[in-house]
Amino acid sequence: MMSKKTIILSIILSNAFPIIVGYSVFYILLTVIKQVPAVGQEVLKLWFIPFSVLTAYIIYSIRKDYKLSKQKGI
């Protein structure tokens, strides 16, 4: 049986690619939209909303994987 730290580390590492891709796409879109003068300024005021949604989804996904691995007895 794996230790709790090993399980958590493996879950985070298995979710590392979606985390990196998600935040990278978010950053690229924010940078591109920021270039449009009228729209960019409004988006910059509200950037934290999609960032929060993405972060909440990532936390949910990691938590779900952790609970699944505990259920399987890994």
N, C-alpha and C. Protein backbone atom coordinates (compact mmCIF):
# COMPACT_ATOMS: atom_id res chain seq x y z
N MET A 1 0.84 -1.18 0.00
CA MET A 1 0.00 0.00 0.00
C MET A 1 0.89 1.25 0.00
N MET A 2 0.53 2.20 -0.82
CA MET A 2 1.30 3.43 -0.93
C MET A 2 0.95 4.38 0.21
N SER A 3 1.91 5.21 0.57
CA SER A 3 1.64 6.18 1.63
C SER A 3 0.75 7.30 1.11
N LYS A 4 0.18 8.04 2.04
CA LYS A 4 -0.73 9.12 1.67
C LYS A 4 0.00 10.19 0.85
N LYS A 5 1.25 10.49 1.23
CA LYS A 5 2.02 11.50 0.49
C LYS A 5 2.28 11.05 -0.95
N THR A 6 2.57 9.78 -1.13
CA THR A 6 2.84 9.25 -2.46
C THR A 6 1.59 9.31 -3.33
N ILE A 7 0.45 9.00 -2.74
CA ILE A 7 -0.81 9.06 -3.49
C ILE A 7 -1.10 10.49 -3.93
N ILE A 8 -0.97 11.42 -3.00
CA ILE A 8 -1.24 12.83 -3.32
C ILE A 8 -0.28 13.32 -4.40
N LEU A 9 1.00 12.97 -4.27
CA LEU A 9 1.99 13.40 -5.27
C LEU A 9 1.68 12.82 -6.64
N SER A 10 1.31 11.54 -6.70
CA SER A 10 1.00 10.94 -8.00
C SER A 10 -0.25 11.55 -8.63
N ILE A 11 -1.22 11.90 -7.81
CA ILE A 11 -2.44 12.54 -8.33
C ILE A 11 -2.12 13.93 -8.88
N ILE A 12 -1.34 14.69 -8.14
CA ILE A 12 -0.98 16.04 -8.61
C ILE A 12 -0.15 15.95 -9.88
N LEU A 13 0.79 15.01 -9.94
CA LEU A 13 1.60 14.87 -11.15
C LEU A 13 0.78 14.41 -12.34
N SER A 14 -0.21 13.55 -12.11
CA SER A 14 -1.06 13.12 -13.23
C SER A 14 -1.96 14.24 -13.72
N ASN A 15 -2.21 15.22 -12.88
CA ASN A 15 -3.01 16.37 -13.28
C ASN A 15 -2.15 17.57 -13.67
N ALA A 16 -0.84 17.41 -13.69
CA ALA A 16 0.06 18.53 -13.99
C ALA A 16 -0.11 19.02 -15.42
N PHE A 17 -0.24 18.12 -16.38
CA PHE A 17 -0.37 18.53 -17.78
C PHE A 17 -1.63 19.37 -18.00
N PRO A 18 -2.82 18.91 -17.54
CA PRO A 18 -4.00 19.77 -17.71
C PRO A 18 -3.88 21.11 -16.99
N ILE A 19 -3.21 21.13 -15.85
CA ILE A 19 -3.02 22.39 -15.11
C ILE A 19 -2.16 23.34 -15.94
N ILE A 20 -1.04 22.85 -16.43
CA ILE A 20 -0.13 23.69 -17.22
C ILE A 20 -0.81 24.18 -18.49
N VAL A 21 -1.49 23.29 -19.19
CA VAL A 21 -2.17 23.67 -20.43
C VAL A 21 -3.29 24.67 -20.15
N GLY A 22 -4.07 24.41 -19.12
CA GLY A 22 -5.19 25.30 -18.79
C GLY A 22 -4.74 26.72 -18.48
N TYR A 23 -3.75 26.84 -17.60
CA TYR A 23 -3.27 28.17 -17.24
C TYR A 23 -2.53 28.84 -18.40
N SER A 24 -1.84 28.05 -19.24
CA SER A 24 -1.15 28.62 -20.40
C SER A 24 -2.13 29.19 -21.40
N VAL A 25 -3.18 28.43 -21.70
CA VAL A 25 -4.21 28.92 -22.63
C VAL A 25 -4.88 30.16 -22.06
N PHE A 26 -5.18 30.14 -20.77
CA PHE A 26 -5.78 31.30 -20.12
C PHE A 26 -4.88 32.53 -20.25
N TYR A 27 -3.59 32.36 -20.01
CA TYR A 27 -2.65 33.47 -20.10
C TYR A 27 -2.54 34.00 -21.53
N ILE A 28 -2.48 33.09 -22.49
CA ILE A 28 -2.38 33.51 -23.90
C ILE A 28 -3.62 34.28 -24.32
N LEU A 29 -4.79 33.76 -23.97
CA LEU A 29 -6.03 34.46 -24.32
C LEU A 29 -6.10 35.83 -23.66
N LEU A 30 -5.70 35.91 -22.40
CA LEU A 30 -5.71 37.19 -21.69
C LEU A 30 -4.76 38.18 -22.36
N THR A 31 -3.61 37.71 -22.78
CA THR A 31 -2.63 38.57 -23.45
C THR A 31 -3.16 39.06 -24.79
N VAL A 32 -3.79 38.18 -25.56
CA VAL A 32 -4.31 38.56 -26.88
C VAL A 32 -5.48 39.52 -26.73
N ILE A 33 -6.41 39.22 -25.85
CA ILE A 33 -7.59 40.08 -25.67
C ILE A 33 -7.19 41.44 -25.12
N LYS A 34 -6.13 41.47 -24.32
CA LYS A 34 -5.66 42.73 -23.74
C LYS A 34 -5.22 43.72 -24.81
N GLN A 35 -4.84 43.22 -25.98
CA GLN A 35 -4.37 44.08 -27.06
C GLN A 35 -5.49 44.90 -27.71
N VAL A 36 -6.75 44.43 -27.59
CA VAL A 36 -7.88 45.17 -28.14
C VAL A 36 -8.24 46.26 -27.14
N PRO A 37 -8.14 47.54 -27.52
CA PRO A 37 -8.28 48.62 -26.55
C PRO A 37 -9.60 48.63 -25.77
N ALA A 38 -10.72 48.60 -26.44
CA ALA A 38 -12.00 48.74 -25.74
C ALA A 38 -12.34 47.49 -24.93
N VAL A 39 -12.20 46.35 -25.55
CA VAL A 39 -12.56 45.10 -24.90
C VAL A 39 -11.52 44.70 -23.86
N GLY A 40 -10.26 44.92 -24.19
CA GLY A 40 -9.18 44.50 -23.31
C GLY A 40 -9.24 45.11 -21.93
N GLN A 41 -9.61 46.38 -21.84
CA GLN A 41 -9.66 47.04 -20.54
C GLN A 41 -10.77 46.46 -19.67
N GLU A 42 -11.89 46.11 -20.29
CA GLU A 42 -12.99 45.50 -19.53
C GLU A 42 -12.63 44.09 -19.07
N VAL A 43 -11.95 43.36 -19.93
CA VAL A 43 -11.54 41.99 -19.58
C VAL A 43 -10.53 42.02 -18.43
N LEU A 44 -9.64 42.98 -18.45
CA LEU A 44 -8.65 43.08 -17.38
C LEU A 44 -9.30 43.34 -16.02
N LYS A 45 -10.47 43.96 -16.02
CA LYS A 45 -11.17 44.19 -14.75
C LYS A 45 -11.80 42.91 -14.22
N LEU A 46 -12.08 41.95 -15.11
CA LEU A 46 -12.80 40.73 -14.72
C LEU A 46 -11.99 39.45 -14.93
N TRP A 47 -10.67 39.54 -15.05
CA TRP A 47 -9.85 38.37 -15.35
C TRP A 47 -9.95 37.30 -14.28
N PHE A 48 -10.23 37.68 -13.06
CA PHE A 48 -10.21 36.73 -11.95
C PHE A 48 -11.38 35.75 -12.00
N ILE A 49 -12.46 36.07 -12.72
CA ILE A 49 -13.62 35.16 -12.77
C ILE A 49 -13.28 33.87 -13.51
N PRO A 50 -12.81 33.90 -14.77
CA PRO A 50 -12.46 32.63 -15.42
C PRO A 50 -11.27 31.94 -14.73
N PHE A 51 -10.35 32.72 -14.18
CA PHE A 51 -9.23 32.15 -13.45
C PHE A 51 -9.73 31.37 -12.24
N SER A 52 -10.72 31.91 -11.54
CA SER A 52 -11.29 31.23 -10.37
C SER A 52 -12.04 29.97 -10.78
N VAL A 53 -12.76 30.03 -11.89
CA VAL A 53 -13.49 28.86 -12.37
C VAL A 53 -12.50 27.75 -12.74
N LEU A 54 -11.44 28.10 -13.44
CA LEU A 54 -10.42 27.12 -13.82
C LEU A 54 -9.76 26.51 -12.59
N THR A 55 -9.42 27.34 -11.62
CA THR A 55 -8.80 26.85 -10.39
C THR A 55 -9.75 25.94 -9.62
N ALA A 56 -11.01 26.32 -9.54
CA ALA A 56 -11.99 25.48 -8.83
C ALA A 56 -12.14 24.13 -9.52
N TYR A 57 -12.15 24.12 -10.85
CA TYR A 57 -12.26 22.85 -11.57
C TYR A 57 -11.04 21.97 -11.33
N ILE A 58 -9.87 22.56 -11.33
CA ILE A 58 -8.64 21.79 -11.11
C ILE A 58 -8.64 21.20 -9.70
N ILE A 59 -9.04 21.99 -8.71
CA ILE A 59 -9.12 21.48 -7.34
C ILE A 59 -10.14 20.36 -7.25
N TYR A 60 -11.29 20.54 -7.89
CA TYR A 60 -12.32 19.49 -7.91
C TYR A 60 -11.79 18.21 -8.54
N SER A 61 -11.09 18.33 -9.64
CA SER A 61 -10.56 17.17 -10.35
C SER A 61 -9.53 16.43 -9.50
N ILE A 62 -8.64 17.15 -8.85
CA ILE A 62 -7.64 16.52 -7.99
C ILE A 62 -8.31 15.84 -6.81
N ARG A 63 -9.28 16.49 -6.22
CA ARG A 63 -9.99 15.91 -5.07
C ARG A 63 -10.76 14.65 -5.48
N LYS A 64 -11.38 14.69 -6.64
CA LYS A 64 -12.12 13.53 -7.15
C LYS A 64 -11.18 12.35 -7.39
N ASP A 65 -10.03 12.61 -7.99
CA ASP A 65 -9.05 11.55 -8.22
C ASP A 65 -8.54 10.97 -6.91
N TYR A 66 -8.34 11.83 -5.92
CA TYR A 66 -7.86 11.37 -4.62
C TYR A 66 -8.89 10.47 -3.95
N LYS A 67 -10.15 10.88 -3.99
CA LYS A 67 -11.21 10.06 -3.39
C LYS A 67 -11.35 8.73 -4.11
N LEU A 68 -11.23 8.74 -5.43
CA LEU A 68 -11.30 7.50 -6.21
C LEU A 68 -10.16 6.56 -5.85
N SER A 69 -8.96 7.10 -5.69
CA SER A 69 -7.83 6.25 -5.34
C SER A 69 -7.97 5.69 -3.93
N LYS A 70 -8.56 6.46 -3.02
CA LYS A 70 -8.81 5.96 -1.67
C LYS A 70 -9.84 4.84 -1.69
N GLN A 71 -10.86 4.98 -2.54
CA GLN A 71 -11.90 3.96 -2.65
C GLN A 71 -11.33 2.65 -3.18
N LYS A 72 -10.44 2.75 -4.13
CA LYS A 72 -9.84 1.55 -4.73
C LYS A 72 -8.82 0.91 -3.79
N GLY A 73 -8.42 1.65 -2.76
CA GLY A 73 -7.46 1.12 -1.81
C GLY A 73 -6.02 1.19 -2.28
N ILE A 74 -5.74 2.12 -3.15
CA ILE A 74 -4.38 2.27 -3.68
C ILE A 74 -3.51 2.95 -2.64
